[in-house]
Amino acid sequence: MSKTTGNIKPLFDYVLVKPLEGETKTPSGIVLPDSAKEKPQVGEIMAVGPGKSCCGESCCSDDDKCECEEMIVKVGQKVLYKKWGGNEVKVGNEEWLLIEQKDIMAIVQ
């Protein structure tokens, strides 16, 4: 893991995401209180698990019956994820998310 992720290392097809802050002001300049802010749906990937495997191995390409799911996303990418996806975890003083790769809808470029 190249970025500081505390002691959290995702397993299987889980991804550790640091949510990016949403808008704090409306276009007209009104400051939004925390209670009125939308839950963020965009974040930066901080750590990636090894991928999902049906046989328990991280890579089982030798077995024709095994269907592994490789990780598409990489550390450092910004992603759009489902609004209520993931589990909140505390890293330092921040709330990050552990999200399954299937709950990531797009890579933001």
PDB file of N, CA and C in Angstrom:
ATOM      1  N   MET A   1       0.848  -1.176   0.000  1.00  0.00           N
ATOM      2  CA  MET A   1       0.000   0.000   0.000  1.00  0.00           C
ATOM      3  C   MET A   1       0.890   1.234   0.000  1.00  0.00           C
ATOM      4  N   SER A   2       0.731   2.071  -0.990  1.00  0.00           N
ATOM      5  CA  SER A   2       1.624   3.204  -1.128  1.00  0.00           C
ATOM      6  C   SER A   2       1.150   4.436  -0.370  1.00  0.00           C
ATOM      7  N   LYS A   3      -0.112   4.500  -0.016  1.00  0.00           N
ATOM      8  CA  LYS A   3      -0.629   5.651   0.730  1.00  0.00           C
ATOM      9  C   LYS A   3      -0.935   5.219   2.156  1.00  0.00           C
ATOM     10  N   THR A   4      -1.002   6.187   3.061  1.00  0.00           N
ATOM     11  CA  THR A   4      -1.269   5.880   4.460  1.00  0.00           C
ATOM     12  C   THR A   4      -2.705   5.405   4.619  1.00  0.00           C
ATOM     13  N   THR A   5      -2.851   4.139   5.039  1.00  0.00           N
ATOM     14  CA  THR A   5      -4.187   3.563   5.212  1.00  0.00           C
ATOM     15  C   THR A   5      -4.376   3.026   6.619  1.00  0.00           C
ATOM     16  N   GLY A   6      -3.557   3.491   7.542  1.00  0.00           N
ATOM     17  CA  GLY A   6      -3.640   2.968   8.895  1.00  0.00           C
ATOM     18  C   GLY A   6      -3.266   1.503   8.877  1.00  0.00           C
ATOM     19  N   ASN A   7      -4.014   0.700   9.574  1.00  0.00           N
ATOM     20  CA  ASN A   7      -3.726  -0.737   9.610  1.00  0.00           C
ATOM     21  C   ASN A   7      -4.770  -1.529   8.825  1.00  0.00           C
ATOM     22  N   ILE A   8      -5.397  -0.896   7.836  1.00  0.00           N
ATOM     23  CA  ILE A   8      -6.464  -1.542   7.076  1.00  0.00           C
ATOM     24  C   ILE A   8      -5.947  -1.994   5.715  1.00  0.00           C
ATOM     25  N   LYS A   9      -6.070  -3.290   5.457  1.00  0.00           N
ATOM     26  CA  LYS A   9      -5.708  -3.871   4.162  1.00  0.00           C
ATOM     27  C   LYS A   9      -6.931  -4.627   3.656  1.00  0.00           C
ATOM     28  N   PRO A  10      -7.584  -4.136   2.587  1.00  0.00           N
ATOM     29  CA  PRO A  10      -8.789  -4.797   2.091  1.00  0.00           C
ATOM     30  C   PRO A  10      -8.526  -6.233   1.637  1.00  0.00           C
ATOM     31  N   LEU A  11      -9.514  -7.084   1.836  1.00  0.00           N
ATOM     32  CA  LEU A  11      -9.459  -8.469   1.380  1.00  0.00           C
ATOM     33  C   LEU A  11     -10.393  -8.645   0.184  1.00  0.00           C
ATOM     34  N   PHE A  12     -10.192  -9.737  -0.553  1.00  0.00           N
ATOM     35  CA  PHE A  12     -11.054 -10.128  -1.670  1.00  0.00           C
ATOM     36  C   PHE A  12     -11.253  -8.968  -2.639  1.00  0.00           C
ATOM     37  N   ASP A  13     -12.506  -8.619  -2.955  1.00  0.00           N
ATOM     38  CA  ASP A  13     -12.763  -7.562  -3.936  1.00  0.00           C
ATOM     39  C   ASP A  13     -13.172  -6.245  -3.265  1.00  0.00           C
ATOM     40  N   TYR A  14     -12.676  -6.025  -2.059  1.00  0.00           N
ATOM     41  CA  TYR A  14     -12.980  -4.776  -1.354  1.00  0.00           C
ATOM     42  C   TYR A  14     -11.945  -3.704  -1.672  1.00  0.00           C
ATOM     43  N   VAL A  15     -12.402  -2.450  -1.613  1.00  0.00           N
ATOM     44  CA  VAL A  15     -11.585  -1.287  -1.922  1.00  0.00           C
ATOM     45  C   VAL A  15     -11.752  -0.295  -0.777  1.00  0.00           C
ATOM     46  N   LEU A  16     -10.651   0.288  -0.305  1.00  0.00           N
ATOM     47  CA  LEU A  16     -10.700   1.325   0.725  1.00  0.00           C
ATOM     48  C   LEU A  16     -10.741   2.676   0.022  1.00  0.00           C
ATOM     49  N   VAL A  17     -11.810   3.443   0.262  1.00  0.00           N
ATOM     50  CA  VAL A  17     -12.037   4.710  -0.430  1.00  0.00           C
ATOM     51  C   VAL A  17     -12.108   5.851   0.577  1.00  0.00           C
ATOM     52  N   LYS A  18     -11.393   6.923   0.264  1.00  0.00           N
ATOM     53  CA  LYS A  18     -11.475   8.153   1.058  1.00  0.00           C
ATOM     54  C   LYS A  18     -12.465   9.073   0.345  1.00  0.00           C
ATOM     55  N   PRO A  19     -13.662   9.288   0.929  1.00  0.00           N
ATOM     56  CA  PRO A  19     -14.651  10.148   0.273  1.00  0.00           C
ATOM     57  C   PRO A  19     -14.118  11.571   0.114  1.00  0.00           C
ATOM     58  N   LEU A  20     -14.409  12.171  -1.033  1.00  0.00           N
ATOM     59  CA  LEU A  20     -14.033  13.561  -1.270  1.00  0.00           C
ATOM     60  C   LEU A  20     -15.179  14.448  -0.816  1.00  0.00           C
ATOM     61  N   GLU A  21     -14.837  15.565  -0.244  1.00  0.00           N
ATOM     62  CA  GLU A  21     -15.852  16.476   0.290  1.00  0.00           C
ATOM     63  C   GLU A  21     -16.769  16.979  -0.812  1.00  0.00           C
ATOM     64  N   GLY A  22     -18.047  17.041  -0.505  1.00  0.00           N
ATOM     65  CA  GLY A  22     -19.032  17.582  -1.435  1.00  0.00           C
ATOM     66  C   GLY A  22     -19.031  19.100  -1.366  1.00  0.00           C
ATOM     67  N   GLU A  23     -19.974  19.685  -2.045  1.00  0.00           N
ATOM     68  CA  GLU A  23     -20.096  21.137  -2.066  1.00  0.00           C
ATOM     69  C   GLU A  23     -20.440  21.662  -0.673  1.00  0.00           C
ATOM     70  N   THR A  24     -19.793  22.752  -0.278  1.00  0.00           N
ATOM     71  CA  THR A  24     -20.103  23.380   1.001  1.00  0.00           C
ATOM     72  C   THR A  24     -20.906  24.666   0.814  1.00  0.00           C
ATOM     73  N   LYS A  25     -21.024  25.113  -0.460  1.00  0.00           N
ATOM     74  CA  LYS A  25     -21.801  26.310  -0.775  1.00  0.00           C
ATOM     75  C   LYS A  25     -22.681  26.031  -1.982  1.00  0.00           C
ATOM     76  N   THR A  26     -23.824  26.705  -2.015  1.00  0.00           N
ATOM     77  CA  THR A  26     -24.681  26.630  -3.196  1.00  0.00           C
ATOM     78  C   THR A  26     -24.094  27.551  -4.267  1.00  0.00           C
ATOM     79  N   PRO A  27     -24.544  27.431  -5.524  1.00  0.00           N
ATOM     80  CA  PRO A  27     -24.044  28.333  -6.573  1.00  0.00           C
ATOM     81  C   PRO A  27     -24.281  29.808  -6.257  1.00  0.00           C
ATOM     82  N   SER A  28     -25.304  30.116  -5.454  1.00  0.00           N
ATOM     83  CA  SER A  28     -25.577  31.512  -5.099  1.00  0.00           C
ATOM     84  C   SER A  28     -24.771  31.987  -3.896  1.00  0.00           C
ATOM     85  N   GLY A  29     -23.956  31.090  -3.293  1.00  0.00           N
ATOM     86  CA  GLY A  29     -23.071  31.502  -2.212  1.00  0.00           C
ATOM     87  C   GLY A  29     -23.550  31.176  -0.812  1.00  0.00           C
ATOM     88  N   ILE A  30     -24.675  30.494  -0.669  1.00  0.00           N
ATOM     89  CA  ILE A  30     -25.182  30.134   0.657  1.00  0.00           C
ATOM     90  C   ILE A  30     -24.359  28.968   1.197  1.00  0.00           C
ATOM     91  N   VAL A  31     -23.847  29.125   2.416  1.00  0.00           N
ATOM     92  CA  VAL A  31     -23.055  28.070   3.051  1.00  0.00           C
ATOM     93  C   VAL A  31     -24.005  27.005   3.593  1.00  0.00           C
ATOM     94  N   LEU A  32     -23.739  25.753   3.226  1.00  0.00           N
ATOM     95  CA  LEU A  32     -24.595  24.645   3.656  1.00  0.00           C
ATOM     96  C   LEU A  32     -24.132  24.092   4.997  1.00  0.00           C
ATOM     97  N   PRO A  33     -25.051  23.914   5.955  1.00  0.00           N
ATOM     98  CA  PRO A  33     -24.677  23.256   7.210  1.00  0.00           C
ATOM     99  C   PRO A  33     -24.462  21.767   6.957  1.00  0.00           C
ATOM    100  N   ASP A  34     -23.755  21.097   7.849  1.00  0.00           N
ATOM    101  CA  ASP A  34     -23.479  19.667   7.689  1.00  0.00           C
ATOM    102  C   ASP A  34     -24.748  18.851   7.490  1.00  0.00           C
ATOM    103  N   SER A  35     -25.840  19.239   8.157  1.00  0.00           N
ATOM    104  CA  SER A  35     -27.086  18.474   8.065  1.00  0.00           C
ATOM    105  C   SER A  35     -27.728  18.562   6.681  1.00  0.00           C
ATOM    106  N   ALA A  36     -27.368  19.565   5.880  1.00  0.00           N
ATOM    107  CA  ALA A  36     -27.971  19.742   4.558  1.00  0.00           C
ATOM    108  C   ALA A  36     -27.094  19.206   3.430  1.00  0.00           C
ATOM    109  N   LYS A  37     -25.893  18.778   3.748  1.00  0.00           N
ATOM    110  CA  LYS A  37     -24.973  18.292   2.714  1.00  0.00           C
ATOM    111  C   LYS A  37     -25.357  16.891   2.270  1.00  0.00           C
ATOM    112  N   GLU A  38     -25.187  16.642   0.988  1.00  0.00           N
ATOM    113  CA  GLU A  38     -25.405  15.308   0.429  1.00  0.00           C
ATOM    114  C   GLU A  38     -24.247  14.404   0.821  1.00  0.00           C
ATOM    115  N   LYS A  39     -24.535  13.127   0.985  1.00  0.00           N
ATOM    116  CA  LYS A  39     -23.488  12.148   1.253  1.00  0.00           C
ATOM    117  C   LYS A  39     -22.610  12.052   0.002  1.00  0.00           C
ATOM    118  N   PRO A  40     -21.279  12.134   0.154  1.00  0.00           N
ATOM    119  CA  PRO A  40     -20.416  12.084  -1.037  1.00  0.00           C
ATOM    120  C   PRO A  40     -20.558  10.763  -1.782  1.00  0.00           C
ATOM    121  N   GLN A  41     -20.381  10.828  -3.102  1.00  0.00           N
ATOM    122  CA  GLN A  41     -20.406   9.633  -3.940  1.00  0.00           C
ATOM    123  C   GLN A  41     -19.120   9.497  -4.736  1.00  0.00           C
ATOM    124  N   VAL A  42     -18.192  10.427  -4.541  1.00  0.00           N
ATOM    125  CA  VAL A  42     -16.912  10.389  -5.241  1.00  0.00           C
ATOM    126  C   VAL A  42     -15.818  10.294  -4.196  1.00  0.00           C
ATOM    127  N   GLY A  43     -14.832   9.453  -4.468  1.00  0.00           N
ATOM    128  CA  GLY A  43     -13.730   9.307  -3.528  1.00  0.00           C
ATOM    129  C   GLY A  43     -12.467   8.846  -4.224  1.00  0.00           C
ATOM    130  N   GLU A  44     -11.376   8.875  -3.466  1.00  0.00           N
ATOM    131  CA  GLU A  44     -10.083   8.423  -3.969  1.00  0.00           C
ATOM    132  C   GLU A  44      -9.779   7.048  -3.392  1.00  0.00           C
ATOM    133  N   ILE A  45      -9.338   6.142  -4.245  1.00  0.00           N
ATOM    134  CA  ILE A  45      -8.993   4.794  -3.799  1.00  0.00           C
ATOM    135  C   ILE A  45      -7.656   4.836  -3.075  1.00  0.00           C
ATOM    136  N   MET A  46      -7.661   4.351  -1.840  1.00  0.00           N
ATOM    137  CA  MET A  46      -6.464   4.364  -1.004  1.00  0.00           C
ATOM    138  C   MET A  46      -5.799   2.990  -0.921  1.00  0.00           C
ATOM    139  N   ALA A  47      -6.572   1.911  -1.065  1.00  0.00           N
ATOM    140  CA  ALA A  47      -6.036   0.544  -1.033  1.00  0.00           C
ATOM    141  C   ALA A  47      -7.017  -0.375  -1.754  1.00  0.00           C
ATOM    142  N   VAL A  48      -6.480  -1.449  -2.360  1.00  0.00           N
ATOM    143  CA  VAL A  48      -7.282  -2.379  -3.149  1.00  0.00           C
ATOM    144  C   VAL A  48      -6.971  -3.803  -2.714  1.00  0.00           C
ATOM    145  N   GLY A  49      -8.010  -4.608  -2.536  1.00  0.00           N
ATOM    146  CA  GLY A  49      -7.823  -6.019  -2.210  1.00  0.00           C
ATOM    147  C   GLY A  49      -7.282  -6.794  -3.407  1.00  0.00           C
ATOM    148  N   PRO A  50      -6.916  -8.059  -3.213  1.00  0.00           N
ATOM    149  CA  PRO A  50      -6.307  -8.858  -4.281  1.00  0.00           C
ATOM    150  C   PRO A  50      -7.287  -9.339  -5.352  1.00  0.00           C
ATOM    151  N   GLY A  51      -8.582  -9.263  -5.095  1.00  0.00           N
ATOM    152  CA  GLY A  51      -9.577  -9.747  -6.050  1.00  0.00           C
ATOM    153  C   GLY A  51     -10.365 -10.904  -5.471  1.00  0.00           C
ATOM    154  N   LYS A  52     -11.471 -11.213  -6.107  1.00  0.00           N
ATOM    155  CA  LYS A  52     -12.363 -12.270  -5.632  1.00  0.00           C
ATOM    156  C   LYS A  52     -12.013 -13.575  -6.337  1.00  0.00           C
ATOM    157  N   SER A  53     -12.076 -14.644  -5.592  1.00  0.00           N
ATOM    158  CA  SER A  53     -11.755 -15.951  -6.146  1.00  0.00           C
ATOM    159  C   SER A  53     -12.748 -16.967  -5.627  1.00  0.00           C
ATOM    160  N   CYS A  54     -13.163 -17.872  -6.488  1.00  0.00           N
ATOM    161  CA  CYS A  54     -14.136 -18.883  -6.069  1.00  0.00           C
ATOM    162  C   CYS A  54     -13.474 -20.052  -5.351  1.00  0.00           C
ATOM    163  N   CYS A  55     -12.146 -20.155  -5.457  1.00  0.00           N
ATOM    164  CA  CYS A  55     -11.478 -21.319  -4.866  1.00  0.00           C
ATOM    165  C   CYS A  55     -10.621 -20.954  -3.657  1.00  0.00           C
ATOM    166  N   GLY A  56     -10.621 -19.677  -3.276  1.00  0.00           N
ATOM    167  CA  GLY A  56      -9.859 -19.277  -2.099  1.00  0.00           C
ATOM    168  C   GLY A  56      -8.435 -18.859  -2.386  1.00  0.00           C
ATOM    169  N   GLU A  57      -7.969 -19.022  -3.606  1.00  0.00           N
ATOM    170  CA  GLU A  57      -6.624 -18.593  -3.978  1.00  0.00           C
ATOM    171  C   GLU A  57      -6.713 -17.207  -4.601  1.00  0.00           C
ATOM    172  N   SER A  58      -5.644 -16.409  -4.492  1.00  0.00           N
ATOM    173  CA  SER A  58      -5.681 -15.075  -5.073  1.00  0.00           C
ATOM    174  C   SER A  58      -5.636 -15.128  -6.597  1.00  0.00           C
ATOM    175  N   CYS A  59      -5.061 -16.180  -7.151  1.00  0.00           N
ATOM    176  CA  CYS A  59      -5.049 -16.350  -8.602  1.00  0.00           C
ATOM    177  C   CYS A  59      -5.177 -17.837  -8.900  1.00  0.00           C
ATOM    178  N   CYS A  60      -6.197 -18.209  -9.608  1.00  0.00           N
ATOM    179  CA  CYS A  60      -6.414 -19.633  -9.866  1.00  0.00           C
ATOM    180  C   CYS A  60      -6.621 -19.875 -11.353  1.00  0.00           C
ATOM    181  N   SER A  61      -5.795 -19.242 -12.194  1.00  0.00           N
ATOM    182  CA  SER A  61      -5.961 -19.341 -13.641  1.00  0.00           C
ATOM    183  C   SER A  61      -5.677 -20.742 -14.181  1.00  0.00           C
ATOM    184  N   ASP A  62      -5.020 -21.609 -13.387  1.00  0.00           N
ATOM    185  CA  ASP A  62      -4.718 -22.959 -13.853  1.00  0.00           C
ATOM    186  C   ASP A  62      -5.955 -23.856 -13.865  1.00  0.00           C
ATOM    187  N   ASP A  63      -6.974 -23.486 -13.138  1.00  0.00           N
ATOM    188  CA  ASP A  63      -8.183 -24.300 -13.026  1.00  0.00           C
ATOM    189  C   ASP A  63      -9.249 -23.755 -13.982  1.00  0.00           C
ATOM    190  N   ASP A  64      -9.653 -24.537 -14.964  1.00  0.00           N
ATOM    191  CA  ASP A  64     -10.631 -24.086 -15.953  1.00  0.00           C
ATOM    192  C   ASP A  64     -11.998 -23.795 -15.342  1.00  0.00           C
ATOM    193  N   LYS A  65     -12.317 -24.437 -14.223  1.00  0.00           N
ATOM    194  CA  LYS A  65     -13.625 -24.258 -13.597  1.00  0.00           C
ATOM    195  C   LYS A  65     -13.665 -23.033 -12.687  1.00  0.00           C
ATOM    196  N   CYS A  66     -12.525 -22.524 -12.321  1.00  0.00           N
ATOM    197  CA  CYS A  66     -12.456 -21.396 -11.389  1.00  0.00           C
ATOM    198  C   CYS A  66     -12.638 -20.084 -12.149  1.00  0.00           C
ATOM    199  N   GLU A  67     -13.489 -19.234 -11.628  1.00  0.00           N
ATOM    200  CA  GLU A  67     -13.732 -17.940 -12.259  1.00  0.00           C
ATOM    201  C   GLU A  67     -13.327 -16.834 -11.299  1.00  0.00           C
ATOM    202  N   CYS A  68     -12.095 -16.397 -11.425  1.00  0.00           N
ATOM    203  CA  CYS A  68     -11.603 -15.315 -10.574  1.00  0.00           C
ATOM    204  C   CYS A  68     -12.091 -13.979 -11.112  1.00  0.00           C
ATOM    205  N   GLU A  69     -12.215 -13.023 -10.210  1.00  0.00           N
ATOM    206  CA  GLU A  69     -12.595 -11.671 -10.598  1.00  0.00           C
ATOM    207  C   GLU A  69     -11.432 -10.757 -10.240  1.00  0.00           C
ATOM    208  N   GLU A  70     -10.723 -10.280 -11.255  1.00  0.00           N
ATOM    209  CA  GLU A  70      -9.575  -9.414 -11.016  1.00  0.00           C
ATOM    210  C   GLU A  70     -10.047  -8.005 -10.696  1.00  0.00           C
ATOM    211  N   MET A  71      -9.200  -7.264 -10.016  1.00  0.00           N
ATOM    212  CA  MET A  71      -9.524  -5.891  -9.665  1.00  0.00           C
ATOM    213  C   MET A  71      -9.256  -4.980 -10.860  1.00  0.00           C
ATOM    214  N   ILE A  72     -10.231  -4.157 -11.184  1.00  0.00           N
ATOM    215  CA  ILE A  72     -10.126  -3.222 -12.299  1.00  0.00           C
ATOM    216  C   ILE A  72      -9.568  -1.889 -11.816  1.00  0.00           C
ATOM    217  N   VAL A  73      -9.929  -1.498 -10.602  1.00  0.00           N
ATOM    218  CA  VAL A  73      -9.532  -0.194 -10.071  1.00  0.00           C
ATOM    219  C   VAL A  73      -8.148  -0.272  -9.430  1.00  0.00           C
ATOM    220  N   LYS A  74      -7.507   0.918  -9.321  1.00  0.00           N
ATOM    221  CA  LYS A  74      -6.152   0.989  -8.773  1.00  0.00           C
ATOM    222  C   LYS A  74      -6.050   2.116  -7.747  1.00  0.00           C
ATOM    223  N   VAL A  75      -5.076   1.996  -6.861  1.00  0.00           N
ATOM    224  CA  VAL A  75      -4.821   3.027  -5.855  1.00  0.00           C
ATOM    225  C   VAL A  75      -4.572   4.360  -6.559  1.00  0.00           C
ATOM    226  N   GLY A  76      -5.186   5.426  -6.028  1.00  0.00           N
ATOM    227  CA  GLY A  76      -4.997   6.770  -6.563  1.00  0.00           C
ATOM    228  C   GLY A  76      -6.093   7.225  -7.514  1.00  0.00           C
ATOM    229  N   GLN A  77      -6.890   6.297  -8.042  1.00  0.00           N
ATOM    230  CA  GLN A  77      -7.968   6.679  -8.949  1.00  0.00           C
ATOM    231  C   GLN A  77      -9.118   7.305  -8.172  1.00  0.00           C
ATOM    232  N   LYS A  78      -9.815   8.230  -8.837  1.00  0.00           N
ATOM    233  CA  LYS A  78     -11.041   8.792  -8.274  1.00  0.00           C
ATOM    234  C   LYS A  78     -12.199   8.005  -8.878  1.00  0.00           C
ATOM    235  N   VAL A  79     -13.143   7.617  -8.020  1.00  0.00           N
ATOM    236  CA  VAL A  79     -14.250   6.780  -8.470  1.00  0.00           C
ATOM    237  C   VAL A  79     -15.589   7.332  -8.004  1.00  0.00           C
ATOM    238  N   LEU A  80     -16.622   6.978  -8.753  1.00  0.00           N
ATOM    239  CA  LEU A  80     -18.006   7.283  -8.406  1.00  0.00           C
ATOM    240  C   LEU A  80     -18.612   5.982  -7.901  1.00  0.00           C
ATOM    241  N   TYR A  81     -19.146   6.005  -6.681  1.00  0.00           N
ATOM    242  CA  TYR A  81     -19.691   4.784  -6.089  1.00  0.00           C
ATOM    243  C   TYR A  81     -21.141   4.996  -5.679  1.00  0.00           C
ATOM    244  N   LYS A  82     -21.838   3.897  -5.443  1.00  0.00           N
ATOM    245  CA  LYS A  82     -23.249   3.960  -5.062  1.00  0.00           C
ATOM    246  C   LYS A  82     -23.408   4.762  -3.777  1.00  0.00           C
ATOM    247  N   LYS A  83     -24.456   5.543  -3.727  1.00  0.00           N
ATOM    248  CA  LYS A  83     -24.666   6.489  -2.625  1.00  0.00           C
ATOM    249  C   LYS A  83     -24.634   5.843  -1.248  1.00  0.00           C
ATOM    250  N   TRP A  84     -25.246   4.699  -1.088  1.00  0.00           N
ATOM    251  CA  TRP A  84     -25.298   4.069   0.235  1.00  0.00           C
ATOM    252  C   TRP A  84     -24.451   2.806   0.291  1.00  0.00           C
ATOM    253  N   GLY A  85     -23.493   2.688  -0.621  1.00  0.00           N
ATOM    254  CA  GLY A  85     -22.625   1.509  -0.643  1.00  0.00           C
ATOM    255  C   GLY A  85     -21.520   1.598   0.395  1.00  0.00           C
ATOM    256  N   GLY A  86     -21.018   0.478   0.802  1.00  0.00           N
ATOM    257  CA  GLY A  86     -19.839   0.426   1.658  1.00  0.00           C
ATOM    258  C   GLY A  86     -20.115   0.471   3.143  1.00  0.00           C
ATOM    259  N   ASN A  87     -19.057   0.199   3.883  1.00  0.00           N
ATOM    260  CA  ASN A  87     -19.077   0.250   5.346  1.00  0.00           C
ATOM    261  C   ASN A  87     -18.089   1.305   5.802  1.00  0.00           C
ATOM    262  N   GLU A  88     -18.523   2.171   6.700  1.00  0.00           N
ATOM    263  CA  GLU A  88     -17.638   3.218   7.202  1.00  0.00           C
ATOM    264  C   GLU A  88     -16.597   2.628   8.143  1.00  0.00           C
ATOM    265  N   VAL A  89     -15.356   3.074   7.979  1.00  0.00           N
ATOM    266  CA  VAL A  89     -14.259   2.690   8.865  1.00  0.00           C
ATOM    267  C   VAL A  89     -13.491   3.950   9.223  1.00  0.00           C
ATOM    268  N   LYS A  90     -12.969   3.975  10.432  1.00  0.00           N
ATOM    269  CA  LYS A  90     -12.223   5.146  10.885  1.00  0.00           C
ATOM    270  C   LYS A  90     -10.741   4.927  10.597  1.00  0.00           C
ATOM    271  N   VAL A  91     -10.139   5.874   9.881  1.00  0.00           N
ATOM    272  CA  VAL A  91      -8.704   5.863   9.593  1.00  0.00           C
ATOM    273  C   VAL A  91      -8.159   7.178  10.127  1.00  0.00           C
ATOM    274  N   GLY A  92      -7.405   7.104  11.214  1.00  0.00           N
ATOM    275  CA  GLY A  92      -6.967   8.332  11.878  1.00  0.00           C
ATOM    276  C   GLY A  92      -8.185   9.051  12.420  1.00  0.00           C
ATOM    277  N   ASN A  93      -8.363  10.309  12.002  1.00  0.00           N
ATOM    278  CA  ASN A  93      -9.526  11.095  12.428  1.00  0.00           C
ATOM    279  C   ASN A  93     -10.592  11.185  11.342  1.00  0.00           C
ATOM    280  N   GLU A  94     -10.447  10.393  10.287  1.00  0.00           N
ATOM    281  CA  GLU A  94     -11.356  10.494   9.151  1.00  0.00           C
ATOM    282  C   GLU A  94     -12.212   9.234   9.004  1.00  0.00           C
ATOM    283  N   GLU A  95     -13.391   9.411   8.396  1.00  0.00           N
ATOM    284  CA  GLU A  95     -14.273   8.288   8.076  1.00  0.00           C
ATOM    285  C   GLU A  95     -14.069   7.928   6.611  1.00  0.00           C
ATOM    286  N   TRP A  96     -13.589   6.722   6.348  1.00  0.00           N
ATOM    287  CA  TRP A  96     -13.410   6.214   4.997  1.00  0.00           C
ATOM    288  C   TRP A  96     -14.411   5.093   4.782  1.00  0.00           C
ATOM    289  N   LEU A  97     -14.428   4.524   3.584  1.00  0.00           N
ATOM    290  CA  LEU A  97     -15.376   3.463   3.257  1.00  0.00           C
ATOM    291  C   LEU A  97     -14.661   2.225   2.731  1.00  0.00           C
ATOM    292  N   LEU A  98     -15.149   1.066   3.134  1.00  0.00           N
ATOM    293  CA  LEU A  98     -14.751  -0.203   2.519  1.00  0.00           C
ATOM    294  C   LEU A  98     -15.895  -0.579   1.587  1.00  0.00           C
ATOM    295  N   ILE A  99     -15.608  -0.604   0.285  1.00  0.00           N
ATOM    296  CA  ILE A  99     -16.630  -0.802  -0.736  1.00  0.00           C
ATOM    297  C   ILE A  99     -16.271  -2.021  -1.577  1.00  0.00           C
ATOM    298  N   GLU A 100     -17.266  -2.811  -1.946  1.00  0.00           N
ATOM    299  CA  GLU A 100     -17.034  -3.900  -2.893  1.00  0.00           C
ATOM    300  C   GLU A 100     -16.851  -3.291  -4.285  1.00  0.00           C
ATOM    301  N   GLN A 101     -15.974  -3.899  -5.082  1.00  0.00           N
ATOM    302  CA  GLN A 101     -15.716  -3.377  -6.423  1.00  0.00           C
ATOM    303  C   GLN A 101     -17.010  -3.235  -7.231  1.00  0.00           C
ATOM    304  N   LYS A 102     -17.975  -4.132  -7.038  1.00  0.00           N
ATOM    305  CA  LYS A 102     -19.231  -4.075  -7.807  1.00  0.00           C
ATOM    306  C   LYS A 102     -20.058  -2.827  -7.486  1.00  0.00           C
ATOM    307  N   ASP A 103     -19.788  -2.166  -6.340  1.00  0.00           N
ATOM    308  CA  ASP A 103     -20.514  -0.953  -5.973  1.00  0.00           C
ATOM    309  C   ASP A 103     -19.871   0.308  -6.537  1.00  0.00           C
ATOM    310  N   ILE A 104     -18.763   0.154  -7.257  1.00  0.00           N
ATOM    311  CA  ILE A 104     -18.124   1.286  -7.934  1.00  0.00           C
ATOM    312  C   ILE A 104     -18.717   1.357  -9.334  1.00  0.00           C
ATOM    313  N   MET A 105     -19.287   2.522  -9.665  1.00  0.00           N
ATOM    314  CA  MET A 105     -19.999   2.661 -10.935  1.00  0.00           C
ATOM    315  C   MET A 105     -19.131   3.219 -12.055  1.00  0.00           C
ATOM    316  N   ALA A 106     -18.101   4.029 -11.711  1.00  0.00           N
ATOM    317  CA  ALA A 106     -17.291   4.649 -12.758  1.00  0.00           C
ATOM    318  C   ALA A 106     -15.969   5.140 -12.188  1.00  0.00           C
ATOM    319  N   ILE A 107     -14.989   5.254 -13.067  1.00  0.00           N
ATOM    320  CA  ILE A 107     -13.715   5.890 -12.732  1.00  0.00           C
ATOM    321  C   ILE A 107     -13.812   7.318 -13.251  1.00  0.00           C
ATOM    322  N   VAL A 108     -13.531   8.298 -12.395  1.00  0.00           N
ATOM    323  CA  VAL A 108     -13.619   9.712 -12.765  1.00  0.00           C
ATOM    324  C   VAL A 108     -12.264  10.145 -13.306  1.00  0.00           C
ATOM    325  N   GLN A 109     -12.255  10.675 -14.538  1.00  0.00           N
ATOM    326  CA  GLN A 109     -10.987  11.091 -15.154  1.00  0.00           C
ATOM    327  C   GLN A 109     -10.906  12.586 -15.279  1.00  0.00           C
TER     328      GLN A 109
END
